[in-house]
C-alpha atoms as a PDB file:
ATOM      1  CA  MET A   1       0.000   0.000   0.000  1.00  0.00           C
ATOM      2  CA  SER A   2       1.423   3.367  -0.976  1.00  0.00           C
ATOM      3  CA  GLY A   3       2.075   5.913   1.743  1.00  0.00           C
ATOM      4  CA  ALA A   4       1.923   3.395   4.614  1.00  0.00           C
ATOM      5  CA  ILE A   5       3.242   4.810   7.891  1.00  0.00           C
ATOM      6  CA  LEU A   6       4.190   3.001  11.095  1.00  0.00           C
ATOM      7  CA  ALA A   7       3.995   5.389  14.064  1.00  0.00           C
ATOM      8  CA  LEU A   8       5.063   4.716  17.636  1.00  0.00           C
ATOM      9  CA  ASP A   9       5.355   6.626  20.890  1.00  0.00           C
ATOM     10  CA  ALA A  10       6.572   5.780  24.385  1.00  0.00           C
ATOM     11  CA  SER A  11       7.189   9.289  25.709  1.00  0.00           C
ATOM     12  CA  GLY A  12       4.522   9.169  28.420  1.00  0.00           C
ATOM     13  CA  ALA A  13       2.619   6.729  30.599  1.00  0.00           C
ATOM     14  CA  ALA A  14       1.763   4.454  27.658  1.00  0.00           C
ATOM     15  CA  CYS A  15       3.102   2.711  24.582  1.00  0.00           C
ATOM     16  CA  SER A  16       1.152   3.518  21.436  1.00  0.00           C
ATOM     17  CA  VAL A  17       1.508   2.115  17.917  1.00  0.00           C
ATOM     18  CA  ALA A  18      -0.480   2.856  14.756  1.00  0.00           C
ATOM     19  CA  VAL A  19      -0.294   1.895  11.100  1.00  0.00           C
ATOM     20  CA  THR A  20      -1.923   4.067   8.448  1.00  0.00           C
ATOM     21  CA  GLY A  21      -2.151   3.754   4.688  1.00  0.00           C
ATOM     22  CA  ASP A  22      -3.456   6.192   2.097  1.00  0.00           C
ATOM     23  CA  GLY A  23      -4.817   8.351   4.914  1.00  0.00           C
ATOM     24  CA  ALA A  24      -6.781   5.519   6.575  1.00  0.00           C
ATOM     25  CA  LEU A  25      -6.104   4.028  10.003  1.00  0.00           C
ATOM     26  CA  LEU A  26      -5.306   0.342   9.494  1.00  0.00           C
ATOM     27  CA  SER A  27      -4.463  -0.630  13.072  1.00  0.00           C
ATOM     28  CA  TRP A  28      -3.824   0.867  16.517  1.00  0.00           C
ATOM     29  CA  ARG A  29      -2.533  -0.545  19.776  1.00  0.00           C
ATOM     30  CA  GLU A  30      -2.030   1.160  23.140  1.00  0.00           C
ATOM     31  CA  GLN A  31      -0.886  -0.149  26.498  1.00  0.00           C
ATOM     32  CA  LYS A  32      -0.922   2.182  29.492  1.00  0.00           C
ATOM     33  CA  MET A  33       2.056   1.826  31.814  1.00  0.00           C
ATOM     34  CA  GLU A  34       4.477   3.756  33.980  1.00  0.00           C
ATOM     35  CA  ARG A  35       7.304   1.243  33.453  1.00  0.00           C
ATOM     36  CA  GLY A  36       8.097  -1.647  31.144  1.00  0.00           C
ATOM     37  CA  HIS A  37       8.009   0.214  27.827  1.00  0.00           C
ATOM     38  CA  ALA A  38      11.000  -1.730  26.498  1.00  0.00           C
ATOM     39  CA  GLU A  39       9.235  -5.074  26.917  1.00  0.00           C
ATOM     40  CA  ALA A  40       5.850  -3.877  25.637  1.00  0.00           C
ATOM     41  CA  LEU A  41       6.700  -1.805  22.570  1.00  0.00           C
ATOM     42  CA  MET A  42       7.857  -4.377  20.020  1.00  0.00           C
ATOM     43  CA  PRO A  43       4.995  -6.843  20.687  1.00  0.00           C
ATOM     44  CA  LEU A  44       2.587  -3.947  20.097  1.00  0.00           C
ATOM     45  CA  VAL A  45       4.404  -3.085  16.855  1.00  0.00           C
ATOM     46  CA  MET A  46       4.214  -6.653  15.601  1.00  0.00           C
ATOM     47  CA  ALA A  47       0.515  -6.956  16.508  1.00  0.00           C
ATOM     48  CA  ALA A  48      -0.317  -3.675  14.753  1.00  0.00           C
ATOM     49  CA  MET A  49       1.630  -4.640  11.647  1.00  0.00           C
ATOM     50  CA  ALA A  50      -0.052  -8.048  11.522  1.00  0.00           C
ATOM     51  CA  GLU A  51      -3.517  -6.523  11.810  1.00  0.00           C
ATOM     52  CA  ALA A  52      -2.702  -3.981   9.092  1.00  0.00           C
ATOM     53  CA  GLY A  53      -1.503  -6.765   6.822  1.00  0.00           C
ATOM     54  CA  ILE A  54       1.646  -4.870   5.865  1.00  0.00           C
ATOM     55  CA  GLY A  55       5.248  -6.030   6.062  1.00  0.00           C
ATOM     56  CA  PHE A  56       8.045  -3.646   6.936  1.00  0.00           C
ATOM     57  CA  ALA A  57       9.070  -3.547   3.283  1.00  0.00           C
ATOM     58  CA  GLY A  58       5.624  -2.137   2.505  1.00  0.00           C
ATOM     59  CA  LEU A  59       6.114   0.932   4.690  1.00  0.00           C
ATOM     60  CA  ALA A  60       6.907   4.345   3.261  1.00  0.00           C
ATOM     61  CA  THR A  61       7.915   5.971   6.554  1.00  0.00           C
ATOM     62  CA  ILE A  62       8.402   5.227  10.227  1.00  0.00           C
ATOM     63  CA  ALA A  63       7.390   8.050  12.590  1.00  0.00           C
ATOM     64  CA  VAL A  64       8.329   8.235  16.258  1.00  0.00           C
ATOM     65  CA  GLY A  65       7.520  10.550  19.146  1.00  0.00           C
ATOM     66  CA  VAL A  66      10.671  12.420  20.168  1.00  0.00           C
ATOM     67  CA  GLY A  67       9.401  14.190  23.270  1.00  0.00           C
ATOM     68  CA  PRO A  68       9.577  16.046  25.463  1.00  0.00           C
ATOM     69  CA  GLY A  69       8.486  13.480  28.023  1.00  0.00           C
ATOM     70  CA  SER A  70       9.971  10.439  29.698  1.00  0.00           C
ATOM     71  CA  PHE A  71      13.688  10.254  28.909  1.00  0.00           C
ATOM     72  CA  THR A  72      13.712   6.450  29.072  1.00  0.00           C
ATOM     73  CA  GLY A  73      10.572   5.964  27.014  1.00  0.00           C
ATOM     74  CA  ILE A  74      11.743   8.346  24.293  1.00  0.00           C
ATOM     75  CA  ARG A  75      15.061   6.537  23.976  1.00  0.00           C
ATOM     76  CA  ILE A  76      13.322   3.150  23.782  1.00  0.00           C
ATOM     77  CA  ALA A  77      10.970   4.268  20.996  1.00  0.00           C
ATOM     78  CA  LEU A  78      13.755   5.981  19.067  1.00  0.00           C
ATOM     79  CA  ALA A  79      15.992   2.904  19.254  1.00  0.00           C
ATOM     80  CA  ALA A  80      13.164   0.704  17.990  1.00  0.00           C
ATOM     81  CA  ALA A  81      12.232   3.091  15.169  1.00  0.00           C
ATOM     82  CA  ARG A  82      15.832   3.514  14.032  1.00  0.00           C
ATOM     83  CA  GLY A  83      16.428  -0.228  14.097  1.00  0.00           C
ATOM     84  CA  MET A  84      13.344  -0.950  12.020  1.00  0.00           C
ATOM     85  CA  GLY A  85      14.151   1.900   9.650  1.00  0.00           C
ATOM     86  CA  LEU A  86      17.674   0.613   9.125  1.00  0.00           C
ATOM     87  CA  ALA A  87      16.541  -2.962   8.558  1.00  0.00           C
ATOM     88  CA  ALA A  88      13.733  -1.981   6.167  1.00  0.00           C
ATOM     89  CA  ARG A  89      15.710   0.852   4.552  1.00  0.00           C
ATOM     90  CA  ARG A  90      12.940   3.308   5.277  1.00  0.00           C
ATOM     91  CA  PRO A  91      13.192   6.918   6.507  1.00  0.00           C
ATOM     92  CA  VAL A  92      12.510   7.637  10.175  1.00  0.00           C
ATOM     93  CA  VAL A  93      11.017  10.992  11.189  1.00  0.00           C
ATOM     94  CA  GLY A  94      10.327  12.515  14.589  1.00  0.00           C
ATOM     95  CA  ILE A  95       7.158  14.206  15.835  1.00  0.00           C
ATOM     96  CA  ASP A  96       7.220  16.380  18.963  1.00  0.00           C
ATOM     97  CA  SER A  97       4.875  15.660  21.871  1.00  0.00           C
ATOM     98  CA  PHE A  98       3.275  19.117  21.820  1.00  0.00           C
ATOM     99  CA  SER A  99       2.086  18.752  18.223  1.00  0.00           C
ATOM    100  CA  ALA A 100       1.013  15.138  18.816  1.00  0.00           C
ATOM    101  CA  VAL A 101      -1.274  16.242  21.662  1.00  0.00           C
ATOM    102  CA  ALA A 102      -2.566  19.355  19.886  1.00  0.00           C
ATOM    103  CA  ALA A 103      -3.511  17.385  16.757  1.00  0.00           C
ATOM    104  CA  GLN A 104      -5.999  15.303  18.747  1.00  0.00           C
ATOM    105  CA  LEU A 105      -8.189  18.293  19.644  1.00  0.00           C
ATOM    106  CA  ALA A 106     -11.310  18.907  17.583  1.00  0.00           C
ATOM    107  CA  PRO A 107     -11.589  22.304  15.865  1.00  0.00           C
ATOM    108  CA  ALA A 108     -14.822  22.992  17.750  1.00  0.00           C
ATOM    109  CA  GLU A 109     -13.038  22.566  21.092  1.00  0.00           C
ATOM    110  CA  ARG A 110     -10.242  24.928  20.024  1.00  0.00           C
ATOM    111  CA  SER A 111     -12.540  27.531  18.499  1.00  0.00           C
ATOM    112  CA  GLY A 112     -12.085  30.987  19.993  1.00  0.00           C
ATOM    113  CA  ARG A 113      -9.306  29.854  22.315  1.00  0.00           C
ATOM    114  CA  SER A 114      -5.547  29.752  22.301  1.00  0.00           C
ATOM    115  CA  LEU A 115      -4.061  26.423  23.364  1.00  0.00           C
ATOM    116  CA  LEU A 116      -1.435  25.450  25.897  1.00  0.00           C
ATOM    117  CA  VAL A 117      -0.113  21.890  25.680  1.00  0.00           C
ATOM    118  CA  VAL A 118       1.497  20.839  28.953  1.00  0.00           C
ATOM    119  CA  ILE A 119       3.719  17.751  29.169  1.00  0.00           C
ATOM    120  CA  GLU A 120       4.595  16.208  32.524  1.00  0.00           C
ATOM    121  CA  SER A 121       8.306  16.282  33.403  1.00  0.00           C
ATOM    122  CA  LYS A 122       8.089  14.444  36.765  1.00  0.00           C
ATOM    123  CA  ARG A 123       9.794  17.496  38.267  1.00  0.00           C
ATOM    124  CA  THR A 124       8.668  20.852  39.622  1.00  0.00           C
ATOM    125  CA  GLU A 125       8.673  22.378  36.145  1.00  0.00           C
ATOM    126  CA  LEU A 126       6.407  21.417  33.273  1.00  0.00           C
ATOM    127  CA  PHE A 127       7.066  21.413  29.526  1.00  0.00           C
ATOM    128  CA  GLY A 128       4.706  23.818  27.762  1.00  0.00           C
ATOM    129  CA  GLN A 129       3.973  25.108  24.272  1.00  0.00           C
ATOM    130  CA  TYR A 130       1.378  27.685  23.230  1.00  0.00           C
ATOM    131  CA  PHE A 131      -0.589  27.481  19.965  1.00  0.00           C
ATOM    132  CA  ASP A 132      -3.273  29.669  18.441  1.00  0.00           C
ATOM    133  CA  GLU A 133      -6.708  28.186  17.678  1.00  0.00           C
ATOM    134  CA  LYS A 134      -5.488  27.052  14.252  1.00  0.00           C
ATOM    135  CA  LEU A 135      -2.525  25.248  15.874  1.00  0.00           C
ATOM    136  CA  ALA A 136       0.131  27.696  14.732  1.00  0.00           C
ATOM    137  CA  VAL A 137       2.982  27.754  17.265  1.00  0.00           C
ATOM    138  CA  LEU A 138       3.146  30.824  19.502  1.00  0.00           C
ATOM    139  CA  GLY A 139       6.665  31.447  20.782  1.00  0.00           C
ATOM    140  CA  GLU A 140       9.230  28.917  21.944  1.00  0.00           C
ATOM    141  CA  PRO A 141       8.662  25.830  24.120  1.00  0.00           C
ATOM    142  CA  LEU A 142       8.836  26.575  27.842  1.00  0.00           C
ATOM    143  CA  VAL A 143      10.162  24.720  30.880  1.00  0.00           C
ATOM    144  CA  LEU A 144       8.593  26.465  33.864  1.00  0.00           C
ATOM    145  CA  ALA A 145       6.687  25.955  37.103  1.00  0.00           C
ATOM    146  CA  PRO A 146       2.898  25.747  36.611  1.00  0.00           C
ATOM    147  CA  ASP A 147       2.127  29.311  37.744  1.00  0.00           C
ATOM    148  CA  ALA A 148       4.948  30.710  35.625  1.00  0.00           C
ATOM    149  CA  LEU A 149       3.669  28.971  32.496  1.00  0.00           C
ATOM    150  CA  LEU A 150       0.446  30.950  32.633  1.00  0.00           C
ATOM    151  CA  GLN A 151       2.354  34.231  32.788  1.00  0.00           C
ATOM    152  CA  HIS A 152       3.172  33.693  29.105  1.00  0.00           C
ATOM    153  CA  ARG A 153      -0.416  33.089  27.988  1.00  0.00           C
ATOM    154  CA  PRO A 154      -1.905  35.115  25.144  1.00  0.00           C
ATOM    155  CA  ASP A 155      -4.898  37.334  25.800  1.00  0.00           C
ATOM    156  CA  GLY A 156      -8.324  35.725  25.757  1.00  0.00           C
ATOM    157  CA  PRO A 157      -9.756  32.291  26.629  1.00  0.00           C
ATOM    158  CA  LEU A 158      -7.325  29.409  27.000  1.00  0.00           C
ATOM    159  CA  LEU A 159      -7.659  25.678  26.407  1.00  0.00           C
ATOM    160  CA  ILE A 160      -5.158  23.429  28.189  1.00  0.00           C
ATOM    161  CA  ALA A 161      -4.327  19.872  27.106  1.00  0.00           C
ATOM    162  CA  GLY A 162      -1.679  17.317  28.008  1.00  0.00           C
ATOM    163  CA  ASP A 163      -0.821  15.007  30.881  1.00  0.00           C
ATOM    164  CA  GLY A 164       0.401  17.927  33.026  1.00  0.00           C
ATOM    165  CA  ALA A 165      -2.737  20.045  32.573  1.00  0.00           C
ATOM    166  CA  GLU A 166      -4.236  19.325  35.992  1.00  0.00           C
ATOM    167  CA  ARG A 167      -1.191  20.813  37.707  1.00  0.00           C
ATOM    168  CA  LEU A 168      -2.110  24.267  36.408  1.00  0.00           C
ATOM    169  CA  PRO A 169      -4.366  26.616  38.368  1.00  0.00           C
ATOM    170  CA  SER A 170      -7.833  27.028  36.917  1.00  0.00           C
ATOM    171  CA  GLY A 171      -9.584  30.261  36.043  1.00  0.00           C
ATOM    172  CA  SER A 172     -12.860  31.563  34.696  1.00  0.00           C
ATOM    173  CA  ASP A 173     -11.518  31.684  31.144  1.00  0.00           C
ATOM    174  CA  ILE A 174      -9.335  28.552  31.342  1.00  0.00           C
ATOM    175  CA  VAL A 175     -10.786  25.229  30.146  1.00  0.00           C
ATOM    176  CA  LEU A 176      -9.203  21.780  30.378  1.00  0.00           C
ATOM    177  CA  ALA A 177      -9.486  19.657  27.239  1.00  0.00           C
ATOM    178  CA  ARG A 178     -11.816  16.676  27.512  1.00  0.00           C
ATOM    179  CA  HIS A 179      -9.247  14.329  25.991  1.00  0.00           C
ATOM    180  CA  ALA A 180      -5.718  14.571  24.547  1.00  0.00           C
ATOM    181  CA  LEU A 181      -3.851  13.625  27.704  1.00  0.00           C
ATOM    182  CA  ARG A 182      -0.762  12.223  26.002  1.00  0.00           C
ATOM    183  CA  PRO A 183       0.784  11.819  22.529  1.00  0.00           C
ATOM    184  CA  ASP A 184      -0.982   9.158  20.486  1.00  0.00           C
ATOM    185  CA  ALA A 185       0.518   7.173  17.610  1.00  0.00           C
ATOM    186  CA  ARG A 186      -2.547   7.868  15.460  1.00  0.00           C
ATOM    187  CA  ALA A 187      -1.897  11.613  15.660  1.00  0.00           C
ATOM    188  CA  ILE A 188       1.817  11.053  15.070  1.00  0.00           C
ATOM    189  CA  ALA A 189       1.032   9.142  11.863  1.00  0.00           C
ATOM    190  CA  ARG A 190      -1.299  11.899  10.626  1.00  0.00           C
ATOM    191  CA  LEU A 191       1.284  14.602  11.301  1.00  0.00           C
ATOM    192  CA  ALA A 192       4.069  12.596   9.667  1.00  0.00           C
ATOM    193  CA  ALA A 193       1.956  12.259   6.528  1.00  0.00           C
ATOM    194  CA  THR A 194       1.795  16.054   6.161  1.00  0.00           C
ATOM    195  CA  GLY A 195       5.581  16.460   6.382  1.00  0.00           C
ATOM    196  CA  ARG A 196       5.177  19.867   8.052  1.00  0.00           C
ATOM    197  CA  HIS A 197       5.861  18.687  11.594  1.00  0.00           C
ATOM    198  CA  ASN A 198       8.659  16.244  10.863  1.00  0.00           C
ATOM    199  CA  LEU A 199      11.756  16.578  13.027  1.00  0.00           C
ATOM    200  CA  PRO A 200      15.020  14.641  13.033  1.00  0.00           C
ATOM    201  CA  ALA A 201      14.714  11.241  14.727  1.00  0.00           C
ATOM    202  CA  ARG A 202      16.532  12.239  17.901  1.00  0.00           C
ATOM    203  CA  PRO A 203      15.320  13.194  21.398  1.00  0.00           C
ATOM    204  CA  LEU A 204      13.873  16.673  21.784  1.00  0.00           C
ATOM    205  CA  TYR A 205      15.551  17.927  24.955  1.00  0.00           C
ATOM    206  CA  LEU A 206      14.270  21.064  26.642  1.00  0.00           C
ATOM    207  CA  ARG A 207      16.313  22.714  29.363  1.00  0.00           C
ATOM    208  CA  ALA A 208      15.916  26.033  31.145  1.00  0.00           C
ATOM    209  CA  ALA A 209      18.929  27.487  29.338  1.00  0.00           C
ATOM    210  CA  ASP A 210      18.125  25.954  25.946  1.00  0.00           C
ATOM    211  CA  VAL A 211      14.444  25.611  25.114  1.00  0.00           C
ATOM    212  CA  THR A 212      14.407  25.730  21.318  1.00  0.00           C
ATOM    213  CA  PHE A 213      13.647  23.105  18.717  1.00  0.00           C
ATOM    214  CA  PRO A 214      16.639  21.727  16.792  1.00  0.00           C
ATOM    215  CA  ARG A 215      17.792  24.298  14.250  1.00  0.00           C
ATOM    216  CA  SER A 216      17.170  21.981  11.314  1.00  0.00           C
ATOM    217  CA  ALA A 217      13.506  21.677  12.363  1.00  0.00           C
ATOM    218  CA  GLU A 218      12.681  25.348  12.790  1.00  0.00           C
ATOM    219  CA  GLY A 219      11.329  25.667   9.285  1.00  0.00           C
ATOM    220  CA  ALA A 220       9.092  22.642   9.741  1.00  0.00           C
ATOM    221  CA  ARG A 221       7.017  24.084  12.580  1.00  0.00           C
END
């Protein structure tokens, strides 16, 4: 099948795998977990590929979540994606966690609101990225305490999504998204198909002194 994409993510409290082809979802697997990503990921990949009825040689691209998120999970998913890409001689692209969460939100839920995607860091600070209602990036990614993140918000109503959203203080014009708690392989596959969000297949590290996307990916945002 032309345009088939294998997408995987282990950057949060789950392993997620999806296979798409010609814009259609062919298979999806998810297993929620805090630990054990290394043991769970490849069986999920093989089950998803079997259900889709596609061999690795039939893939056009492999897409992988590159974070931010769990350091260990990101490295596990990247190692698996690179290994499969090398063996199948297929390109491997990265999708950032912020975009993978934002892409799951329905236009009606975003309408009239800017968006803040908040990724859990397991530390005092959270990873955050602002978007406008059409999902255009607003400013650089942030690594800040919950209260400090909101000091960078645009004017007007705000929608918050991501697995760190509940750590933020609420307000009269702040709404938590009904879903989109973590990156999902289905969203990663859709974004990879557009080519606009593709990053290099390496971890996206965000630190207080260096909170930018890799230079080679700036034009893709």
